[in-house]
Structures are given as structure tokens and as C-alpha cells.
């Protein structure tokens, strides 16, 4: 992806997040410590936020930087320690798939129990 495309994608995601919460550009500018025009430039792709501002945007809207940068399309929370599991390097792909299935089965069981209560 070209740098300009990243800036445009970040801008579109920012605009969607801001509008989704009915936040005015002025109010977001105040939160981020920038001018309203800067928010407008971010949203139109005329300027790209610094890494520090990207982090602040992710925290404010509770989305991951991966989402903000366009690496993923699901707006997952910016930090979810419970979803990250470090597996040893020697675990084979088919074993990883089995582990994923096991985790999904546990999640399904927990959701079924929660719905029953």
C-alpha cells in the first residue's frame, strides 16, 4: 500500500469512527490537542497523523492500530490481552488449527452457559 493510500484510509476510518459516535471535528481536535483544520486534513488524506496521534485516536475510539491503518477490517479494541496467546515456534500449523478449534469450542460452551442463565 502506498503512503498516500494509508493516509486516505486512516482518514476514512477516523471520519467513520468520529461520525459513529456523533463527535464533532472541533471536539475531537480538543481531545487530541490539535486544530479542527488538522482533523479535517486527516479525514481528507491531506495530512497523516503522527504515530503519537494515531495511538491517541486508537485509545480514544478503543480500536486497534491495525484497524486504523487498514491492516484489518474489524474494529477490535486497541488492547485485549485475553485474546493473545503466544505459542512456541515448534507448534505445527495443523496443531495450531486444533488449538484454535479448542478455544472456539470453549467460547461456544461459555456462551451457551451464559445464555442459559
PDB file of N, CA and C in Angstrom:
ATOM      1  N   UNK A   1       0.846  -1.175   0.000  1.00  0.00           N
ATOM      2  CA  UNK A   1       0.000   0.000   0.000  1.00  0.00           C
ATOM      3  C   UNK A   1       0.893   1.240   0.000  1.00  0.00           C
ATOM      4  N   UNK A   2       0.592   2.191  -0.818  1.00  0.00           N
ATOM      5  CA  UNK A   2       1.347   3.431  -0.926  1.00  0.00           C
ATOM      6  C   UNK A   2       1.003   4.330   0.256  1.00  0.00           C
ATOM      7  N   UNK A   3       1.986   5.145   0.682  1.00  0.00           N
ATOM      8  CA  UNK A   3       1.801   6.017   1.844  1.00  0.00           C
ATOM      9  C   UNK A   3       0.547   6.886   1.728  1.00  0.00           C
ATOM     10  N   UNK A   4       0.289   7.431   0.522  1.00  0.00           N
ATOM     11  CA  UNK A   4      -0.898   8.265   0.337  1.00  0.00           C
ATOM     12  C   UNK A   4      -2.181   7.467   0.572  1.00  0.00           C
ATOM     13  N   UNK A   5      -2.178   6.212   0.130  1.00  0.00           N
ATOM     14  CA  UNK A   5      -3.354   5.360   0.334  1.00  0.00           C
ATOM     15  C   UNK A   5      -3.584   5.096   1.818  1.00  0.00           C
ATOM     16  N   UNK A   6      -2.488   4.918   2.563  1.00  0.00           N
ATOM     17  CA  UNK A   6      -2.603   4.694   4.009  1.00  0.00           C
ATOM     18  C   UNK A   6      -3.221   5.919   4.665  1.00  0.00           C
ATOM     19  N   UNK A   7      -2.747   7.107   4.273  1.00  0.00           N
ATOM     20  CA  UNK A   7      -3.290   8.341   4.840  1.00  0.00           C
ATOM     21  C   UNK A   7      -4.765   8.504   4.552  1.00  0.00           C
ATOM     22  N   UNK A   8      -5.171   8.179   3.340  1.00  0.00           N
ATOM     23  CA  UNK A   8      -6.587   8.271   2.971  1.00  0.00           C
ATOM     24  C   UNK A   8      -7.407   7.256   3.757  1.00  0.00           C
ATOM     25  N   UNK A   9      -6.889   6.038   3.912  1.00  0.00           N
ATOM     26  CA  UNK A   9      -7.612   5.007   4.659  1.00  0.00           C
ATOM     27  C   UNK A   9      -7.742   5.390   6.129  1.00  0.00           C
ATOM     28  N   UNK A  10      -6.653   5.879   6.721  1.00  0.00           N
ATOM     29  CA  UNK A  10      -6.723   6.335   8.112  1.00  0.00           C
ATOM     30  C   UNK A  10      -7.774   7.435   8.236  1.00  0.00           C
ATOM     31  N   UNK A  11      -7.751   8.369   7.294  1.00  0.00           N
ATOM     32  CA  UNK A  11      -8.716   9.471   7.314  1.00  0.00           C
ATOM     33  C   UNK A  11     -10.147   8.987   7.246  1.00  0.00           C
ATOM     34  N   UNK A  12     -10.405   8.017   6.378  1.00  0.00           N
ATOM     35  CA  UNK A  12     -11.767   7.487   6.246  1.00  0.00           C
ATOM     36  C   UNK A  12     -12.183   6.755   7.514  1.00  0.00           C
ATOM     37  N   UNK A  13     -11.258   5.966   8.066  1.00  0.00           N
ATOM     38  CA  UNK A  13     -11.582   5.256   9.316  1.00  0.00           C
ATOM     39  C   UNK A  13     -11.850   6.253  10.440  1.00  0.00           C
ATOM     40  N   UNK A  14     -11.019   7.287  10.516  1.00  0.00           N
ATOM     41  CA  UNK A  14     -11.204   8.311  11.543  1.00  0.00           C
ATOM     42  C   UNK A  14     -12.563   8.987  11.384  1.00  0.00           C
ATOM     43  N   UNK A  15     -12.896   9.345  10.181  1.00  0.00           N
ATOM     44  CA  UNK A  15     -14.173  10.004   9.914  1.00  0.00           C
ATOM     45  C   UNK A  15     -15.345   9.092  10.311  1.00  0.00           C
ATOM     46  N   UNK A  16     -15.257   7.815   9.928  1.00  0.00           N
ATOM     47  CA  UNK A  16     -16.320   6.862  10.266  1.00  0.00           C
ATOM     48  C   UNK A  16     -16.449   6.694  11.780  1.00  0.00           C
ATOM     49  N   UNK A  17     -15.316   6.586  12.460  1.00  0.00           N
ATOM     50  CA  UNK A  17     -15.347   6.432  13.917  1.00  0.00           C
ATOM     51  C   UNK A  17     -15.942   7.670  14.579  1.00  0.00           C
ATOM     52  N   UNK A  18     -15.509   8.822  14.138  1.00  0.00           N
ATOM     53  CA  UNK A  18     -15.993  10.080  14.718  1.00  0.00           C
ATOM     54  C   UNK A  18     -17.486  10.246  14.496  1.00  0.00           C
ATOM     55  N   UNK A  19     -17.932  10.016  13.265  1.00  0.00           N
ATOM     56  CA  UNK A  19     -19.364  10.152  12.963  1.00  0.00           C
ATOM     57  C   UNK A  19     -20.182   9.089  13.681  1.00  0.00           C
ATOM     58  N   UNK A  20     -19.614   7.892  13.816  1.00  0.00           N
ATOM     59  CA  UNK A  20     -20.316   6.811  14.518  1.00  0.00           C
ATOM     60  C   UNK A  20     -20.627   7.151  15.959  1.00  0.00           C
ATOM     61  N   UNK A  21     -19.825   8.025  16.538  1.00  0.00           N
ATOM     62  CA  UNK A  21     -20.054   8.460  17.913  1.00  0.00           C
ATOM     63  C   UNK A  21     -20.636   9.863  17.987  1.00  0.00           C
ATOM     64  N   UNK A  22     -20.989  10.407  16.836  1.00  0.00           N
ATOM     65  CA  UNK A  22     -21.561  11.770  16.752  1.00  0.00           C
ATOM     66  C   UNK A  22     -20.663  12.804  17.430  1.00  0.00           C
ATOM     67  N   UNK A  23     -19.378  12.716  17.129  1.00  0.00           N
ATOM     68  CA  UNK A  23     -18.409  13.657  17.683  1.00  0.00           C
ATOM     69  C   UNK A  23     -18.053  14.670  16.601  1.00  0.00           C
ATOM     70  N   UNK A  24     -18.069  15.937  16.970  1.00  0.00           N
ATOM     71  CA  UNK A  24     -17.708  16.998  16.029  1.00  0.00           C
ATOM     72  C   UNK A  24     -16.186  17.038  15.874  1.00  0.00           C
ATOM     73  N   UNK A  25     -15.753  17.527  14.716  1.00  0.00           N
ATOM     74  CA  UNK A  25     -14.314  17.665  14.479  1.00  0.00           C
ATOM     75  C   UNK A  25     -13.663  18.538  15.551  1.00  0.00           C
ATOM     76  N   UNK A  26     -14.343  19.606  15.942  1.00  0.00           N
ATOM     77  CA  UNK A  26     -13.795  20.508  16.965  1.00  0.00           C
ATOM     78  C   UNK A  26     -13.549  19.779  18.280  1.00  0.00           C
ATOM     79  N   UNK A  27     -14.515  18.943  18.659  1.00  0.00           N
ATOM     80  CA  UNK A  27     -14.397  18.235  19.926  1.00  0.00           C
ATOM     81  C   UNK A  27     -13.265  17.216  19.889  1.00  0.00           C
ATOM     82  N   UNK A  28     -13.131  16.512  18.766  1.00  0.00           N
ATOM     83  CA  UNK A  28     -12.033  15.554  18.635  1.00  0.00           C
ATOM     84  C   UNK A  28     -10.695  16.286  18.621  1.00  0.00           C
ATOM     85  N   UNK A  29     -10.666  17.437  17.970  1.00  0.00           N
ATOM     86  CA  UNK A  29      -9.441  18.235  17.937  1.00  0.00           C
ATOM     87  C   UNK A  29      -9.009  18.619  19.349  1.00  0.00           C
ATOM     88  N   UNK A  30      -9.970  18.992  20.174  1.00  0.00           N
ATOM     89  CA  UNK A  30      -9.672  19.351  21.560  1.00  0.00           C
ATOM     90  C   UNK A  30      -9.093  18.158  22.309  1.00  0.00           C
ATOM     91  N   UNK A  31      -9.702  17.001  22.143  1.00  0.00           N
ATOM     92  CA  UNK A  31      -9.227  15.785  22.814  1.00  0.00           C
ATOM     93  C   UNK A  31      -7.793  15.453  22.395  1.00  0.00           C
ATOM     94  N   UNK A  32      -7.516  15.592  21.102  1.00  0.00           N
ATOM     95  CA  UNK A  32      -6.194  15.219  20.586  1.00  0.00           C
ATOM     96  C   UNK A  32      -5.165  16.342  20.701  1.00  0.00           C
ATOM     97  N   UNK A  33      -5.613  17.531  21.066  1.00  0.00           N
ATOM     98  CA  UNK A  33      -4.699  18.655  21.209  1.00  0.00           C
ATOM     99  C   UNK A  33      -4.207  19.217  19.881  1.00  0.00           C
ATOM    100  N   UNK A  34      -5.098  19.178  18.876  1.00  0.00           N
ATOM    101  CA  UNK A  34      -4.770  19.726  17.559  1.00  0.00           C
ATOM    102  C   UNK A  34      -5.874  20.692  17.150  1.00  0.00           C
ATOM    103  N   UNK A  35      -5.689  21.335  16.003  1.00  0.00           N
ATOM    104  CA  UNK A  35      -6.706  22.257  15.495  1.00  0.00           C
ATOM    105  C   UNK A  35      -7.775  21.489  14.725  1.00  0.00           C
ATOM    106  N   UNK A  36      -8.958  22.097  14.618  1.00  0.00           N
ATOM    107  CA  UNK A  36     -10.058  21.492  13.856  1.00  0.00           C
ATOM    108  C   UNK A  36      -9.632  21.237  12.415  1.00  0.00           C
ATOM    109  N   UNK A  37      -8.899  22.176  11.837  1.00  0.00           N
ATOM    110  CA  UNK A  37      -8.435  22.025  10.457  1.00  0.00           C
ATOM    111  C   UNK A  37      -7.543  20.791  10.308  1.00  0.00           C
ATOM    112  N   UNK A  38      -6.796  20.470  11.344  1.00  0.00           N
ATOM    113  CA  UNK A  38      -5.922  19.294  11.311  1.00  0.00           C
ATOM    114  C   UNK A  38      -6.753  18.023  11.216  1.00  0.00           C
ATOM    115  N   UNK A  39      -7.845  17.959  11.970  1.00  0.00           N
ATOM    116  CA  UNK A  39      -8.743  16.802  11.899  1.00  0.00           C
ATOM    117  C   UNK A  39      -9.311  16.693  10.486  1.00  0.00           C
ATOM    118  N   UNK A  40      -9.713  17.823   9.925  1.00  0.00           N
ATOM    119  CA  UNK A  40     -10.239  17.840   8.558  1.00  0.00           C
ATOM    120  C   UNK A  40      -9.186  17.325   7.572  1.00  0.00           C
ATOM    121  N   UNK A  41      -7.948  17.752   7.747  1.00  0.00           N
ATOM    122  CA  UNK A  41      -6.867  17.293   6.873  1.00  0.00           C
ATOM    123  C   UNK A  41      -6.605  15.793   7.037  1.00  0.00           C
ATOM    124  N   UNK A  42      -6.688  15.290   8.265  1.00  0.00           N
ATOM    125  CA  UNK A  42      -6.543  13.849   8.481  1.00  0.00           C
ATOM    126  C   UNK A  42      -7.640  13.096   7.719  1.00  0.00           C
ATOM    127  N   UNK A  43      -8.865  13.577   7.866  1.00  0.00           N
ATOM    128  CA  UNK A  43     -10.011  12.873   7.288  1.00  0.00           C
ATOM    129  C   UNK A  43     -10.030  12.904   5.762  1.00  0.00           C
ATOM    130  N   UNK A  44      -9.474  13.936   5.176  1.00  0.00           N
ATOM    131  CA  UNK A  44      -9.445  14.024   3.715  1.00  0.00           C
ATOM    132  C   UNK A  44      -8.167  13.439   3.118  1.00  0.00           C
ATOM    133  N   UNK A  45      -7.247  13.020   3.979  1.00  0.00           N
ATOM    134  CA  UNK A  45      -5.993  12.444   3.491  1.00  0.00           C
ATOM    135  C   UNK A  45      -4.953  13.479   3.109  1.00  0.00           C
ATOM    136  N   UNK A  46      -5.216  14.747   3.402  1.00  0.00           N
ATOM    137  CA  UNK A  46      -4.251  15.816   3.100  1.00  0.00           C
ATOM    138  C   UNK A  46      -3.077  15.793   4.065  1.00  0.00           C
ATOM    139  N   UNK A  47      -3.290  15.202   5.233  1.00  0.00           N
ATOM    140  CA  UNK A  47      -2.228  15.067   6.232  1.00  0.00           C
ATOM    141  C   UNK A  47      -2.407  13.723   6.924  1.00  0.00           C
ATOM    142  N   UNK A  48      -1.304  13.170   7.373  1.00  0.00           N
ATOM    143  CA  UNK A  48      -1.361  11.909   8.107  1.00  0.00           C
ATOM    144  C   UNK A  48      -0.957  12.168   9.556  1.00  0.00           C
ATOM    145  N   UNK A  49      -1.712  11.640  10.502  1.00  0.00           N
ATOM    146  CA  UNK A  49      -1.372  11.865  11.908  1.00  0.00           C
ATOM    147  C   UNK A  49      -0.013  11.263  12.256  1.00  0.00           C
ATOM    148  N   UNK A  50       0.643  11.883  13.217  1.00  0.00           N
ATOM    149  CA  UNK A  50       1.899  11.312  13.726  1.00  0.00           C
ATOM    150  C   UNK A  50       1.573   9.988  14.418  1.00  0.00           C
ATOM    151  N   UNK A  51       2.589   9.207  14.675  1.00  0.00           N
ATOM    152  CA  UNK A  51       2.368   7.939  15.379  1.00  0.00           C
ATOM    153  C   UNK A  51       1.736   8.178  16.748  1.00  0.00           C
ATOM    154  N   UNK A  52       2.171   9.233  17.423  1.00  0.00           N
ATOM    155  CA  UNK A  52       1.605   9.566  18.743  1.00  0.00           C
ATOM    156  C   UNK A  52       0.107   9.842  18.633  1.00  0.00           C
ATOM    157  N   UNK A  53      -0.287  10.600  17.624  1.00  0.00           N
ATOM    158  CA  UNK A  53      -1.713  10.922  17.429  1.00  0.00           C
ATOM    159  C   UNK A  53      -2.487   9.672  17.028  1.00  0.00           C
ATOM    160  N   UNK A  54      -1.892   8.819  16.199  1.00  0.00           N
ATOM    161  CA  UNK A  54      -2.561   7.559  15.830  1.00  0.00           C
ATOM    162  C   UNK A  54      -2.871   6.736  17.080  1.00  0.00           C
ATOM    163  N   UNK A  55      -1.916   6.674  17.987  1.00  0.00           N
ATOM    164  CA  UNK A  55      -2.132   5.932  19.233  1.00  0.00           C
ATOM    165  C   UNK A  55      -3.251   6.569  20.044  1.00  0.00           C
ATOM    166  N   UNK A  56      -3.253   7.893  20.125  1.00  0.00           N
ATOM    167  CA  UNK A  56      -4.313   8.588  20.864  1.00  0.00           C
ATOM    168  C   UNK A  56      -5.686   8.342  20.229  1.00  0.00           C
ATOM    169  N   UNK A  57      -5.740   8.336  18.904  1.00  0.00           N
ATOM    170  CA  UNK A  57      -7.003   8.060  18.206  1.00  0.00           C
ATOM    171  C   UNK A  57      -7.473   6.645  18.530  1.00  0.00           C
ATOM    172  N   UNK A  58      -6.546   5.688  18.455  1.00  0.00           N
ATOM    173  CA  UNK A  58      -6.892   4.291  18.754  1.00  0.00           C
ATOM    174  C   UNK A  58      -7.404   4.148  20.180  1.00  0.00           C
ATOM    175  N   UNK A  59      -6.744   4.797  21.111  1.00  0.00           N
ATOM    176  CA  UNK A  59      -7.186   4.730  22.513  1.00  0.00           C
ATOM    177  C   UNK A  59      -8.546   5.393  22.700  1.00  0.00           C
ATOM    178  N   UNK A  60      -8.707   6.568  22.106  1.00  0.00           N
ATOM    179  CA  UNK A  60      -9.954   7.304  22.276  1.00  0.00           C
ATOM    180  C   UNK A  60     -11.143   6.521  21.741  1.00  0.00           C
ATOM    181  N   UNK A  61     -10.987   5.930  20.562  1.00  0.00           N
ATOM    182  CA  UNK A  61     -12.091   5.196  19.949  1.00  0.00           C
ATOM    183  C   UNK A  61     -12.077   3.706  20.309  1.00  0.00           C
ATOM    184  N   UNK A  62     -11.089   3.298  21.088  1.00  0.00           N
ATOM    185  CA  UNK A  62     -10.942   1.906  21.521  1.00  0.00           C
ATOM    186  C   UNK A  62     -10.924   0.942  20.333  1.00  0.00           C
ATOM    187  N   UNK A  63     -10.044   1.248  19.376  1.00  0.00           N
ATOM    188  CA  UNK A  63      -9.823   0.365  18.234  1.00  0.00           C
ATOM    189  C   UNK A  63      -8.325   0.066  18.150  1.00  0.00           C
ATOM    190  N   UNK A  64      -7.993  -1.006  17.471  1.00  0.00           N
ATOM    191  CA  UNK A  64      -6.583  -1.345  17.313  1.00  0.00           C
ATOM    192  C   UNK A  64      -5.939  -0.456  16.249  1.00  0.00           C
ATOM    193  N   UNK A  65      -4.639  -0.301  16.360  1.00  0.00           N
ATOM    194  CA  UNK A  65      -3.905   0.417  15.316  1.00  0.00           C
ATOM    195  C   UNK A  65      -3.988  -0.337  14.001  1.00  0.00           C
ATOM    196  N   UNK A  66      -4.051  -1.662  14.070  1.00  0.00           N
ATOM    197  CA  UNK A  66      -4.205  -2.451  12.844  1.00  0.00           C
ATOM    198  C   UNK A  66      -5.474  -2.044  12.098  1.00  0.00           C
ATOM    199  N   UNK A  67      -6.540  -1.820  12.829  1.00  0.00           N
ATOM    200  CA  UNK A  67      -7.788  -1.378  12.198  1.00  0.00           C
ATOM    201  C   UNK A  67      -7.621   0.025  11.619  1.00  0.00           C
ATOM    202  N   UNK A  68      -7.066   0.911  12.419  1.00  0.00           N
ATOM    203  CA  UNK A  68      -6.906   2.294  11.986  1.00  0.00           C
ATOM    204  C   UNK A  68      -6.038   2.393  10.729  1.00  0.00           C
ATOM    205  N   UNK A  69      -5.021   1.545  10.633  1.00  0.00           N
ATOM    206  CA  UNK A  69      -4.099   1.569   9.495  1.00  0.00           C
ATOM    207  C   UNK A  69      -4.604   0.776   8.295  1.00  0.00           C
ATOM    208  N   UNK A  70      -5.713   0.064   8.469  1.00  0.00           N
ATOM    209  CA  UNK A  70      -6.278  -0.686   7.360  1.00  0.00           C
ATOM    210  C   UNK A  70      -5.720  -2.087   7.192  1.00  0.00           C
ATOM    211  N   UNK A  71      -5.002  -2.583   8.199  1.00  0.00           N
ATOM    212  CA  UNK A  71      -4.462  -3.941   8.117  1.00  0.00           C
ATOM    213  C   UNK A  71      -5.531  -4.988   8.358  1.00  0.00           C
ATOM    214  N   UNK A  72      -6.534  -4.625   9.149  1.00  0.00           N
ATOM    215  CA  UNK A  72      -7.678  -5.497   9.390  1.00  0.00           C
ATOM    216  C   UNK A  72      -8.945  -4.672   9.214  1.00  0.00           C
ATOM    217  N   UNK A  73     -10.057  -5.345   8.980  1.00  0.00           N
ATOM    218  CA  UNK A  73     -11.314  -4.632   8.756  1.00  0.00           C
ATOM    219  C   UNK A  73     -12.257  -4.680   9.946  1.00  0.00           C
ATOM    220  N   UNK A  74     -11.888  -5.394  10.986  1.00  0.00           N
ATOM    221  CA  UNK A  74     -12.733  -5.476  12.178  1.00  0.00           C
ATOM    222  C   UNK A  74     -12.206  -4.508  13.224  1.00  0.00           C
ATOM    223  N   UNK A  75     -13.079  -3.655  13.723  1.00  0.00           N
ATOM    224  CA  UNK A  75     -12.685  -2.639  14.701  1.00  0.00           C
ATOM    225  C   UNK A  75     -12.595  -3.243  16.096  1.00  0.00           C
ATOM    226  N   UNK A  76     -11.597  -4.094  16.296  1.00  0.00           N
ATOM    227  CA  UNK A  76     -11.417  -4.711  17.613  1.00  0.00           C
ATOM    228  C   UNK A  76     -10.827  -3.691  18.579  1.00  0.00           C
ATOM    229  N   UNK A  77     -11.058  -3.855  19.863  1.00  0.00           N
ATOM    230  CA  UNK A  77     -10.488  -2.922  20.848  1.00  0.00           C
ATOM    231  C   UNK A  77      -8.968  -2.835  20.725  1.00  0.00           C
ATOM    232  N   UNK A  78      -8.420  -1.685  21.104  1.00  0.00           N
ATOM    233  CA  UNK A  78      -6.992  -1.452  20.910  1.00  0.00           C
ATOM    234  C   UNK A  78      -6.126  -2.351  21.780  1.00  0.00           C
ATOM    235  N   UNK A  79      -6.663  -2.904  22.846  1.00  0.00           N
ATOM    236  CA  UNK A  79      -5.865  -3.782  23.697  1.00  0.00           C
ATOM    237  C   UNK A  79      -6.766  -4.826  24.329  1.00  0.00           C
ATOM    238  N   UNK A  80      -6.530  -6.050  23.985  1.00  0.00           N
ATOM    239  CA  UNK A  80      -7.280  -7.168  24.552  1.00  0.00           C
ATOM    240  C   UNK A  80      -6.299  -8.274  24.930  1.00  0.00           C
ATOM    241  N   UNK A  81      -5.712  -8.193  26.099  1.00  0.00           N
ATOM    242  CA  UNK A  81      -4.698  -9.188  26.451  1.00  0.00           C
ATOM    243  C   UNK A  81      -5.233 -10.611  26.470  1.00  0.00           C
ATOM    244  N   UNK A  82      -6.515 -10.779  26.685  1.00  0.00           N
ATOM    245  CA  UNK A  82      -7.073 -12.120  26.774  1.00  0.00           C
ATOM    246  C   UNK A  82      -7.140 -12.843  25.434  1.00  0.00           C
ATOM    247  N   UNK A  83      -6.972 -12.130  24.309  1.00  0.00           N
ATOM    248  CA  UNK A  83      -7.071 -12.812  23.030  1.00  0.00           C
ATOM    249  C   UNK A  83      -5.715 -13.216  22.454  1.00  0.00           C
ATOM    250  N   UNK A  84      -4.626 -12.806  23.111  1.00  0.00           N
ATOM    251  CA  UNK A  84      -3.306 -13.121  22.594  1.00  0.00           C
ATOM    252  C   UNK A  84      -2.699 -14.283  23.364  1.00  0.00           C
ATOM    253  N   UNK A  85      -2.326 -15.299  22.624  1.00  0.00           N
ATOM    254  CA  UNK A  85      -1.696 -16.463  23.217  1.00  0.00           C
ATOM    255  C   UNK A  85      -0.416 -16.722  22.437  1.00  0.00           C
ATOM    256  N   UNK A  86       0.698 -16.708  23.129  1.00  0.00           N
ATOM    257  CA  UNK A  86       1.972 -16.965  22.459  1.00  0.00           C
ATOM    258  C   UNK A  86       2.215 -18.469  22.449  1.00  0.00           C
ATOM    259  N   UNK A  87       2.293 -19.014  21.246  1.00  0.00           N
ATOM    260  CA  UNK A  87       2.557 -20.438  21.087  1.00  0.00           C
ATOM    261  C   UNK A  87       4.020 -20.632  20.734  1.00  0.00           C
ATOM    262  N   UNK A  88       4.602 -21.704  21.213  1.00  0.00           N
ATOM    263  CA  UNK A  88       6.002 -21.980  20.866  1.00  0.00           C
ATOM    264  C   UNK A  88       6.178 -22.102  19.351  1.00  0.00           C
ATOM    265  N   UNK A  89       7.350 -21.739  18.871  1.00  0.00           N
ATOM    266  CA  UNK A  89       7.656 -21.775  17.440  1.00  0.00           C
ATOM    267  C   UNK A  89       7.513 -23.173  16.843  1.00  0.00           C
ATOM    268  N   UNK A  90       7.781 -24.191  17.651  1.00  0.00           N
ATOM    269  CA  UNK A  90       7.787 -25.556  17.123  1.00  0.00           C
ATOM    270  C   UNK A  90       6.393 -26.128  16.899  1.00  0.00           C
ATOM    271  N   UNK A  91       5.341 -25.427  17.323  1.00  0.00           N
ATOM    272  CA  UNK A  91       3.979 -25.901  17.103  1.00  0.00           C
ATOM    273  C   UNK A  91       3.687 -25.860  15.598  1.00  0.00           C
ATOM    274  N   UNK A  92       3.246 -26.961  15.060  1.00  0.00           N
ATOM    275  CA  UNK A  92       2.965 -27.060  13.623  1.00  0.00           C
ATOM    276  C   UNK A  92       1.616 -26.419  13.296  1.00  0.00           C
ATOM    277  N   UNK A  93       1.419 -26.094  12.017  1.00  0.00           N
ATOM    278  CA  UNK A  93       0.186 -25.433  11.580  1.00  0.00           C
ATOM    279  C   UNK A  93      -1.056 -26.244  11.912  1.00  0.00           C
ATOM    280  N   UNK A  94      -1.017 -27.558  11.698  1.00  0.00           N
ATOM    281  CA  UNK A  94      -2.199 -28.366  11.998  1.00  0.00           C
ATOM    282  C   UNK A  94      -2.470 -28.398  13.500  1.00  0.00           C
ATOM    283  N   UNK A  95      -1.422 -28.310  14.301  1.00  0.00           N
ATOM    284  CA  UNK A  95      -1.598 -28.254  15.756  1.00  0.00           C
ATOM    285  C   UNK A  95      -2.183 -26.901  16.170  1.00  0.00           C
ATOM    286  N   UNK A  96      -1.759 -25.838  15.499  1.00  0.00           N
ATOM    287  CA  UNK A  96      -2.313 -24.503  15.765  1.00  0.00           C
ATOM    288  C   UNK A  96      -3.814 -24.476  15.445  1.00  0.00           C
ATOM    289  N   UNK A  97      -4.173 -25.098  14.341  1.00  0.00           N
ATOM    290  CA  UNK A  97      -5.588 -25.153  13.963  1.00  0.00           C
ATOM    291  C   UNK A  97      -6.400 -25.909  15.007  1.00  0.00           C
ATOM    292  N   UNK A  98      -5.835 -26.971  15.529  1.00  0.00           N
ATOM    293  CA  UNK A  98      -6.506 -27.749  16.575  1.00  0.00           C
ATOM    294  C   UNK A  98      -6.684 -26.904  17.844  1.00  0.00           C
ATOM    295  N   UNK A  99      -5.660 -26.137  18.192  1.00  0.00           N
ATOM    296  CA  UNK A  99      -5.746 -25.253  19.359  1.00  0.00           C
ATOM    297  C   UNK A  99      -6.830 -24.201  19.141  1.00  0.00           C
ATOM    298  N   UNK A 100      -6.888 -23.622  17.949  1.00  0.00           N
ATOM    299  CA  UNK A 100      -7.914 -22.627  17.637  1.00  0.00           C
ATOM    300  C   UNK A 100      -9.313 -23.226  17.753  1.00  0.00           C
ATOM    301  N   UNK A 101      -9.497 -24.444  17.254  1.00  0.00           N
ATOM    302  CA  UNK A 101     -10.799 -25.118  17.353  1.00  0.00           C
ATOM    303  C   UNK A 101     -11.178 -25.353  18.809  1.00  0.00           C
ATOM    304  N   UNK A 102     -10.198 -25.737  19.614  1.00  0.00           N
ATOM    305  CA  UNK A 102     -10.444 -25.984  21.035  1.00  0.00           C
ATOM    306  C   UNK A 102     -10.886 -24.688  21.723  1.00  0.00           C
ATOM    307  N   UNK A 103     -10.207 -23.587  21.426  1.00  0.00           N
ATOM    308  CA  UNK A 103     -10.566 -22.299  22.023  1.00  0.00           C
ATOM    309  C   UNK A 103     -11.967 -21.868  21.594  1.00  0.00           C
ATOM    310  N   UNK A 104     -12.280 -22.064  20.317  1.00  0.00           N
ATOM    311  CA  UNK A 104     -13.624 -21.722  19.828  1.00  0.00           C
ATOM    312  C   UNK A 104     -14.692 -22.586  20.500  1.00  0.00           C
ATOM    313  N   UNK A 105     -14.379 -23.851  20.748  1.00  0.00           N
ATOM    314  CA  UNK A 105     -15.331 -24.743  21.418  1.00  0.00           C
ATOM    315  C   UNK A 105     -15.578 -24.277  22.853  1.00  0.00           C
ATOM    316  N   UNK A 106     -14.518 -23.871  23.539  1.00  0.00           N
ATOM    317  CA  UNK A 106     -14.670 -23.356  24.906  1.00  0.00           C
ATOM    318  C   UNK A 106     -15.521 -22.090  24.893  1.00  0.00           C
ATOM    319  N   UNK A 107     -15.248 -21.189  23.949  1.00  0.00           N
ATOM    320  CA  UNK A 107     -16.010 -19.954  23.831  1.00  0.00           C
ATOM    321  C   UNK A 107     -17.485 -20.249  23.574  1.00  0.00           C
ATOM    322  N   UNK A 108     -17.750 -21.187  22.673  1.00  0.00           N
ATOM    323  CA  UNK A 108     -19.131 -21.569  22.363  1.00  0.00           C
ATOM    324  C   UNK A 108     -19.822 -22.135  23.602  1.00  0.00           C
ATOM    325  N   UNK A 109     -19.128 -22.976  24.339  1.00  0.00           N
ATOM    326  CA  UNK A 109     -19.678 -23.565  25.573  1.00  0.00           C
ATOM    327  C   UNK A 109     -19.991 -22.474  26.589  1.00  0.00           C
ATOM    328  N   UNK A 110     -19.050 -21.535  26.766  1.00  0.00           N
ATOM    329  CA  UNK A 110     -19.271 -20.444  27.720  1.00  0.00           C
ATOM    330  C   UNK A 110     -20.452 -19.569  27.306  1.00  0.00           C
ATOM    331  N   UNK A 111     -20.587 -19.298  26.001  1.00  0.00           N
ATOM    332  CA  UNK A 111     -21.716 -18.501  25.526  1.00  0.00           C
ATOM    333  C   UNK A 111     -23.035 -19.234  25.746  1.00  0.00           C
ATOM    334  N   UNK A 112     -23.045 -20.559  25.538  1.00  0.00           N
ATOM    335  CA  UNK A 112     -24.251 -21.343  25.759  1.00  0.00           C
ATOM    336  C   UNK A 112     -24.658 -21.324  27.224  1.00  0.00           C
ATOM    337  N   UNK A 113     -23.678 -21.436  28.101  1.00  0.00           N
ATOM    338  CA  UNK A 113     -23.963 -21.402  29.550  1.00  0.00           C
ATOM    339  C   UNK A 113     -24.490 -20.035  29.942  1.00  0.00           C
ATOM    340  N   UNK A 114     -23.871 -18.979  29.417  1.00  0.00           N
ATOM    341  CA  UNK A 114     -24.302 -17.614  29.740  1.00  0.00           C
ATOM    342  C   UNK A 114     -25.728 -17.359  29.266  1.00  0.00           C
ATOM    343  N   UNK A 115     -26.084 -17.866  28.095  1.00  0.00           N
ATOM    344  CA  UNK A 115     -27.441 -17.671  27.579  1.00  0.00           C
ATOM    345  C   UNK A 115     -28.465 -18.455  28.383  1.00  0.00           C
ATOM    346  N   UNK A 116     -28.047 -19.587  28.926  1.00  0.00           N
ATOM    347  CA  UNK A 116     -28.955 -20.412  29.713  1.00  0.00           C
ATOM    348  C   UNK A 116     -29.251 -19.766  31.063  1.00  0.00           C
ATOM    349  N   UNK A 117     -28.356 -18.951  31.540  1.00  0.00           N
ATOM    350  CA  UNK A 117     -28.538 -18.314  32.861  1.00  0.00           C
ATOM    351  C   UNK A 117     -29.297 -17.081  32.757  1.00  0.00           C
TER     352      UNK A 117
END
